[in-house]
C-alpha atoms as a PDB file:
ATOM      1  CA  MET A   1     147.621-190.853 -77.079  1.00  0.00           C
ATOM      2  CA  LYS A   2     149.511-187.645 -77.687  1.00  0.00           C
ATOM      3  CA  PHE A   3     152.876-189.276 -78.464  1.00  0.00           C
ATOM      4  CA  LEU A   4     151.284-191.029 -81.435  1.00  0.00           C
ATOM      5  CA  GLN A   5     149.780-187.891 -82.946  1.00  0.00           C
ATOM      6  CA  ASN A   6     152.702-187.016 -85.165  1.00  0.00           C
ATOM      7  CA  ARG A   7     153.850-190.333 -86.594  1.00  0.00           C
ATOM      8  CA  THR A   8     155.783-188.604 -89.348  1.00  0.00           C
ATOM      9  CA  MET A   9     157.949-186.761 -86.829  1.00  0.00           C
ATOM     10  CA  TRP A  10     158.685-190.007 -84.982  1.00  0.00           C
ATOM     11  CA  ALA A  11     159.450-191.824 -88.230  1.00  0.00           C
ATOM     12  CA  VAL A  12     161.885-189.087 -89.312  1.00  0.00           C
ATOM     13  CA  ALA A  13     163.592-189.100 -85.905  1.00  0.00           C
ATOM     14  CA  GLY A  14     163.865-192.885 -85.994  1.00  0.00           C
ATOM     15  CA  LEU A  15     165.322-192.991 -89.504  1.00  0.00           C
ATOM     16  CA  VAL A  16     167.846-190.216 -88.843  1.00  0.00           C
ATOM     17  CA  SER A  17     168.904-191.895 -85.594  1.00  0.00           C
ATOM     18  CA  LEU A  18     169.164-195.340 -87.160  1.00  0.00           C
ATOM     19  CA  MET A  19     171.480-194.091 -89.880  1.00  0.00           C
ATOM     20  CA  ALA A  20     173.601-192.108 -87.423  1.00  0.00           C
ATOM     21  CA  LEU A  21     174.007-195.141 -85.172  1.00  0.00           C
ATOM     22  CA  THR A  22     174.780-197.753 -87.823  1.00  0.00           C
ATOM     23  CA  ARG A  23     176.487-196.170 -90.825  1.00  0.00           C
ATOM     24  CA  TYR A  24     179.998-196.593 -89.402  1.00  0.00           C
ATOM     25  CA  ASN A  25     180.221-200.319 -90.071  1.00  0.00           C
ATOM     26  CA  HIS A  26     178.851-201.877 -93.269  1.00  0.00           C
ATOM     27  CA  PHE A  27     178.705-205.428 -91.982  1.00  0.00           C
ATOM     28  CA  GLY A  28     178.423-204.963 -88.237  1.00  0.00           C
ATOM     29  CA  SER A  29     180.504-206.520 -85.514  1.00  0.00           C
ATOM     30  CA  SER A  30     180.109-207.769 -81.974  1.00  0.00           C
ATOM     31  CA  ALA A  31     180.078-204.117 -80.866  1.00  0.00           C
ATOM     32  CA  SER A  32     178.013-202.492 -83.631  1.00  0.00           C
ATOM     33  CA  LEU A  33     174.983-203.106 -85.779  1.00  0.00           C
ATOM     34  CA  PRO A  34     175.359-203.400 -89.565  1.00  0.00           C
ATOM     35  CA  ASP A  35     174.740-200.350 -91.732  1.00  0.00           C
ATOM     36  CA  ALA A  36     171.016-199.640 -92.055  1.00  0.00           C
ATOM     37  CA  SER A  37     171.322-197.108 -94.900  1.00  0.00           C
ATOM     38  CA  TYR A  38     169.519-199.243 -97.509  1.00  0.00           C
ATOM     39  CA  ALA A  39     166.637-199.824 -95.103  1.00  0.00           C
ATOM     40  CA  VAL A  40     166.537-196.186 -93.985  1.00  0.00           C
ATOM     41  CA  PHE A  41     166.079-194.886 -97.522  1.00  0.00           C
ATOM     42  CA  PHE A  42     163.519-197.574 -98.411  1.00  0.00           C
ATOM     43  CA  LEU A  43     161.542-196.979 -95.197  1.00  0.00           C
ATOM     44  CA  GLY A  44     161.688-193.236 -95.754  1.00  0.00           C
ATOM     45  CA  GLY A  45     160.029-193.692 -99.123  1.00  0.00           C
ATOM     46  CA  LEU A  46     157.555-196.218 -97.736  1.00  0.00           C
ATOM     47  CA  PHE A  47     156.382-194.291 -94.687  1.00  0.00           C
ATOM     48  CA  ILE A  48     157.155-190.657 -95.520  1.00  0.00           C
ATOM     49  CA  GLY A  49     157.627-190.539 -99.289  1.00  0.00           C
ATOM     50  CA  ARG A  50     154.180-189.134 -99.954  1.00  0.00           C
ATOM     51  CA  ALA A  51     154.131-186.625 -97.092  1.00  0.00           C
ATOM     52  CA  ARG A  52     154.572-182.915 -97.613  1.00  0.00           C
ATOM     53  CA  GLY A  53     158.275-182.112 -97.606  1.00  0.00           C
ATOM     54  CA  ALA A  54     159.276-185.705 -98.386  1.00  0.00           C
ATOM     55  CA  LEU A  55     161.947-184.714-100.896  1.00  0.00           C
ATOM     56  CA  ALA A  56     163.489-182.435 -98.269  1.00  0.00           C
ATOM     57  CA  LEU A  57     163.745-185.465 -95.994  1.00  0.00           C
ATOM     58  CA  LEU A  58     165.371-187.456 -98.785  1.00  0.00           C
ATOM     59  CA  ALA A  59     167.909-184.639 -99.182  1.00  0.00           C
ATOM     60  CA  LEU A  60     168.429-184.512 -95.403  1.00  0.00           C
ATOM     61  CA  LEU A  61     169.165-188.239 -95.297  1.00  0.00           C
ATOM     62  CA  LEU A  62     171.602-187.941 -98.211  1.00  0.00           C
ATOM     63  CA  VAL A  63     173.434-185.109 -96.459  1.00  0.00           C
ATOM     64  CA  GLU A  64     173.432-187.064 -93.202  1.00  0.00           C
ATOM     65  CA  ALA A  65     174.975-190.093 -94.943  1.00  0.00           C
ATOM     66  CA  ALA A  66     177.760-187.922 -96.372  1.00  0.00           C
ATOM     67  CA  LEU A  67     178.382-186.217 -93.014  1.00  0.00           C
ATOM     68  CA  VAL A  68     178.551-189.531 -91.160  1.00  0.00           C
ATOM     69  CA  ASP A  69     181.005-190.819 -93.772  1.00  0.00           C
ATOM     70  CA  TYR A  70     183.096-187.655 -93.445  1.00  0.00           C
ATOM     71  CA  TYR A  71     183.149-187.977 -89.664  1.00  0.00           C
ATOM     72  CA  ALA A  72     183.946-191.698 -89.760  1.00  0.00           C
ATOM     73  CA  ILE A  73     186.829-191.246 -92.208  1.00  0.00           C
ATOM     74  CA  ASN A  74     188.329-188.170 -90.565  1.00  0.00           C
ATOM     75  CA  PHE A  75     187.734-188.823 -86.872  1.00  0.00           C
ATOM     76  CA  ARG A  76     187.089-192.554 -86.429  1.00  0.00           C
ATOM     77  CA  GLU A  77     189.854-193.874 -88.675  1.00  0.00           C
ATOM     78  CA  VAL A  78     187.448-195.681 -91.004  1.00  0.00           C
ATOM     79  CA  SER A  79     188.975-196.318 -94.432  1.00  0.00           C
ATOM     80  CA  GLY A  80     188.070-193.829 -97.155  1.00  0.00           C
ATOM     81  CA  TRP A  81     188.788-196.354 -99.916  1.00  0.00           C
ATOM     82  CA  CYS A  82     185.205-196.211-101.204  1.00  0.00           C
ATOM     83  CA  VAL A  83     185.130-192.420-101.431  1.00  0.00           C
ATOM     84  CA  THR A  84     186.092-191.859-105.057  1.00  0.00           C
ATOM     85  CA  SER A  85     184.595-190.026-108.011  1.00  0.00           C
ATOM     86  CA  ALA A  86     181.895-192.736-107.942  1.00  0.00           C
ATOM     87  CA  TYR A  87     180.721-191.646-104.464  1.00  0.00           C
ATOM     88  CA  GLY A  88     178.178-189.206-105.938  1.00  0.00           C
ATOM     89  CA  PHE A  89     176.340-192.118-107.536  1.00  0.00           C
ATOM     90  CA  LEU A  90     175.200-193.177-104.076  1.00  0.00           C
ATOM     91  CA  VAL A  91     172.604-190.436-104.517  1.00  0.00           C
ATOM     92  CA  PHE A  92     171.063-192.499-107.326  1.00  0.00           C
ATOM     93  CA  ALA A  93     171.422-195.768-105.424  1.00  0.00           C
ATOM     94  CA  TYR A  94     169.745-194.371-102.310  1.00  0.00           C
ATOM     95  CA  ALA A  95     167.114-192.494-104.300  1.00  0.00           C
ATOM     96  CA  SER A  96     166.183-195.759-106.041  1.00  0.00           C
ATOM     97  CA  LEU A  97     165.500-197.289-102.626  1.00  0.00           C
ATOM     98  CA  TRP A  98     163.428-194.264-101.622  1.00  0.00           C
ATOM     99  CA  PHE A  99     161.349-194.234-104.801  1.00  0.00           C
ATOM    100  CA  VAL A 100     160.691-197.985-104.811  1.00  0.00           C
ATOM    101  CA  GLY A 101     159.508-197.599-101.195  1.00  0.00           C
ATOM    102  CA  ARG A 102     157.359-194.636-102.221  1.00  0.00           C
ATOM    103  CA  TRP A 103     155.949-196.615-105.154  1.00  0.00           C
ATOM    104  CA  TYR A 104     155.087-199.536-102.870  1.00  0.00           C
ATOM    105  CA  ALA A 105     153.552-197.376-100.122  1.00  0.00           C
ATOM    106  CA  PRO A 106     149.936-197.410-101.438  1.00  0.00           C
ATOM    107  CA  ARG A 107     150.102-201.214-101.696  1.00  0.00           C
ATOM    108  CA  HIS A 108     151.583-201.707 -98.234  1.00  0.00           C
ATOM    109  CA  ASN A 109     149.396-203.410 -95.667  1.00  0.00           C
ATOM    110  CA  LEU A 110     149.918-205.898 -92.876  1.00  0.00           C
ATOM    111  CA  THR A 111     148.294-208.884 -94.579  1.00  0.00           C
ATOM    112  CA  GLY A 112     150.232-211.909 -95.763  1.00  0.00           C
ATOM    113  CA  LYS A 113     149.978-210.760 -99.371  1.00  0.00           C
ATOM    114  CA  GLY A 114     151.021-207.238 -98.417  1.00  0.00           C
ATOM    115  CA  LEU A 115     154.033-208.475 -96.453  1.00  0.00           C
ATOM    116  CA  PHE A 116     155.121-210.728 -99.316  1.00  0.00           C
ATOM    117  CA  GLY A 117     154.851-207.749-101.674  1.00  0.00           C
ATOM    118  CA  LEU A 118     156.910-205.668 -99.252  1.00  0.00           C
ATOM    119  CA  PHE A 119     159.562-208.386 -99.152  1.00  0.00           C
ATOM    120  CA  ALA A 120     159.682-208.511-102.969  1.00  0.00           C
ATOM    121  CA  ALA A 121     159.875-204.707-103.218  1.00  0.00           C
ATOM    122  CA  THR A 122     162.660-204.645-100.615  1.00  0.00           C
ATOM    123  CA  VAL A 123     164.714-207.253-102.475  1.00  0.00           C
ATOM    124  CA  ALA A 124     164.160-205.479-105.804  1.00  0.00           C
ATOM    125  CA  ALA A 125     165.080-202.066-104.385  1.00  0.00           C
ATOM    126  CA  GLY A 126     168.127-203.409-102.553  1.00  0.00           C
ATOM    127  CA  SER A 127     169.281-205.193-105.704  1.00  0.00           C
ATOM    128  CA  LEU A 128     168.859-202.083-107.830  1.00  0.00           C
ATOM    129  CA  ALA A 129     170.752-199.914-105.327  1.00  0.00           C
ATOM    130  CA  PHE A 130     173.534-202.494-105.062  1.00  0.00           C
ATOM    131  CA  VAL A 131     173.921-202.616-108.854  1.00  0.00           C
ATOM    132  CA  ILE A 132     173.939-198.802-109.201  1.00  0.00           C
ATOM    133  CA  ALA A 133     176.523-198.384-106.432  1.00  0.00           C
ATOM    134  CA  ASN A 134     178.793-201.157-107.670  1.00  0.00           C
ATOM    135  CA  VAL A 135     178.634-200.472-111.401  1.00  0.00           C
ATOM    136  CA  SER A 136     179.441-196.805-110.822  1.00  0.00           C
ATOM    137  CA  PHE A 137     182.274-197.796-108.474  1.00  0.00           C
ATOM    138  CA  TYR A 138     183.680-200.175-111.073  1.00  0.00           C
ATOM    139  CA  LEU A 139     183.489-197.584-113.835  1.00  0.00           C
ATOM    140  CA  LEU A 140     184.621-194.475-111.951  1.00  0.00           C
ATOM    141  CA  ALA A 141     186.734-195.411-108.934  1.00  0.00           C
ATOM    142  CA  GLY A 142     189.918-195.824-110.947  1.00  0.00           C
ATOM    143  CA  TYR A 143     190.909-199.020-109.128  1.00  0.00           C
ATOM    144  CA  PHE A 144     189.816-201.585-111.692  1.00  0.00           C
ATOM    145  CA  GLY A 145     191.532-200.662-114.959  1.00  0.00           C
ATOM    146  CA  ARG A 146     192.814-204.189-115.534  1.00  0.00           C
ATOM    147  CA  MET A 147     189.925-206.091-114.006  1.00  0.00           C
ATOM    148  CA  SER A 148     187.260-207.403-116.366  1.00  0.00           C
ATOM    149  CA  VAL A 149     183.565-206.930-115.690  1.00  0.00           C
ATOM    150  CA  ALA A 150     183.257-210.661-114.950  1.00  0.00           C
ATOM    151  CA  GLU A 151     186.105-210.534-112.417  1.00  0.00           C
ATOM    152  CA  PHE A 152     184.657-207.474-110.716  1.00  0.00           C
ATOM    153  CA  THR A 153     181.187-209.015-110.643  1.00  0.00           C
ATOM    154  CA  SER A 154     182.466-212.211-109.047  1.00  0.00           C
ATOM    155  CA  SER A 155     184.434-210.250-106.446  1.00  0.00           C
ATOM    156  CA  VAL A 156     181.504-208.044-105.358  1.00  0.00           C
ATOM    157  CA  ALA A 157     178.845-210.761-105.650  1.00  0.00           C
ATOM    158  CA  GLN A 158     179.893-212.054-102.234  1.00  0.00           C
ATOM    159  CA  TYR A 159     178.603-208.799-100.680  1.00  0.00           C
ATOM    160  CA  TYR A 160     175.256-208.677-102.492  1.00  0.00           C
ATOM    161  CA  GLY A 161     173.446-211.076-100.149  1.00  0.00           C
ATOM    162  CA  SER A 162     174.519-209.305 -96.987  1.00  0.00           C
ATOM    163  CA  TYR A 163     173.426-205.874 -98.262  1.00  0.00           C
ATOM    164  CA  VAL A 164     169.961-207.148 -99.170  1.00  0.00           C
ATOM    165  CA  GLU A 165     169.642-209.379 -96.072  1.00  0.00           C
ATOM    166  CA  VAL A 166     170.479-206.514 -93.734  1.00  0.00           C
ATOM    167  CA  ALA A 167     167.918-204.280 -95.453  1.00  0.00           C
ATOM    168  CA  VAL A 168     165.271-207.026 -95.151  1.00  0.00           C
ATOM    169  CA  MET A 169     166.152-207.491 -91.460  1.00  0.00           C
ATOM    170  CA  TYR A 170     165.778-203.806 -90.601  1.00  0.00           C
ATOM    171  CA  ILE A 171     162.608-203.433 -92.664  1.00  0.00           C
ATOM    172  CA  GLY A 172     161.191-206.536 -90.977  1.00  0.00           C
ATOM    173  CA  CYS A 173     161.892-204.962 -87.574  1.00  0.00           C
ATOM    174  CA  ALA A 174     160.166-201.760 -88.717  1.00  0.00           C
ATOM    175  CA  VAL A 175     157.122-203.750 -89.833  1.00  0.00           C
ATOM    176  CA  ILE A 176     156.988-205.531 -86.464  1.00  0.00           C
ATOM    177  CA  MET A 177     157.031-202.117 -84.783  1.00  0.00           C
ATOM    178  CA  GLN A 178     154.283-200.991 -87.172  1.00  0.00           C
ATOM    179  CA  MET A 179     152.203-204.045 -86.227  1.00  0.00           C
ATOM    180  CA  LEU A 180     152.681-203.363 -82.516  1.00  0.00           C
ATOM    181  CA  LEU A 181     151.743-199.721 -83.006  1.00  0.00           C
ATOM    182  CA  SER A 182     148.678-200.790 -84.974  1.00  0.00           C
ATOM    183  CA  ILE A 183     147.602-203.097 -82.160  1.00  0.00           C
ATOM    184  CA  LEU A 184     148.241-200.385 -79.576  1.00  0.00           C
ATOM    185  CA  THR A 185     146.341-197.691 -81.467  1.00  0.00           C
ATOM    186  CA  GLY A 186     143.524-200.145 -82.208  1.00  0.00           C
ATOM    187  CA  LYS A 187     143.126-200.800 -78.496  1.00  0.00           C
ATOM    188  CA  VAL A 188     143.261-197.082 -77.741  1.00  0.00           C
ATOM    189  CA  GLN A 189     140.577-196.380 -80.327  1.00  0.00           C
ATOM    190  CA  ARG A 190     138.305-199.136 -78.953  1.00  0.00           C
ATOM    191  CA  GLU A 191     138.783-197.894 -75.382  1.00  0.00           C
ATOM    192  CA  SER A 192     138.001-194.300 -76.333  1.00  0.00           C
ATOM    193  CA  LYS A 193     134.757-195.402 -78.044  1.00  0.00           C
ATOM    194  CA  THR A 194     133.524-197.141 -74.901  1.00  0.00           C
ATOM    195  CA  VAL A 195     134.219-194.133 -72.639  1.00  0.00           C
END
């Protein structure tokens, strides 16, 4: 099937679209899906991280995230409270997701063991990104001069689960799509051999 010939192109288009459609609302609402940024960067590393030009795609996604934030703050009346001198550290948070996905890519398969490994890699990558983003925010945002590390940790800990859960949800959906595509292409390959 011709539409399946360039899977990388479709993966890039899907990731760019997913971030553009969801980045406006971190937690989602009845009218919008939660932010898929963690999943987008992890999936980019997983499915495209070893392709030629992969680092250019990582840079494209980083620029897209910043542009969506700029648009949301300036034209959609989304709060810019999180955009501080710590904002640049999102590059490291998102890159950690990308590179854990890239590291896991050769191990990724659709077996039970492979899916468990993917789940563990997703949780580890999401946790690492969450820590990088929040530690840098605590240290550089300028909002927490009188708040101890323990107080800050307890106040942001309530968000940790939702960030990782949302990433797992989106990555799970991507894996289901991968399974369906695998079944579809398997059938196509069998049919073409009998013709």
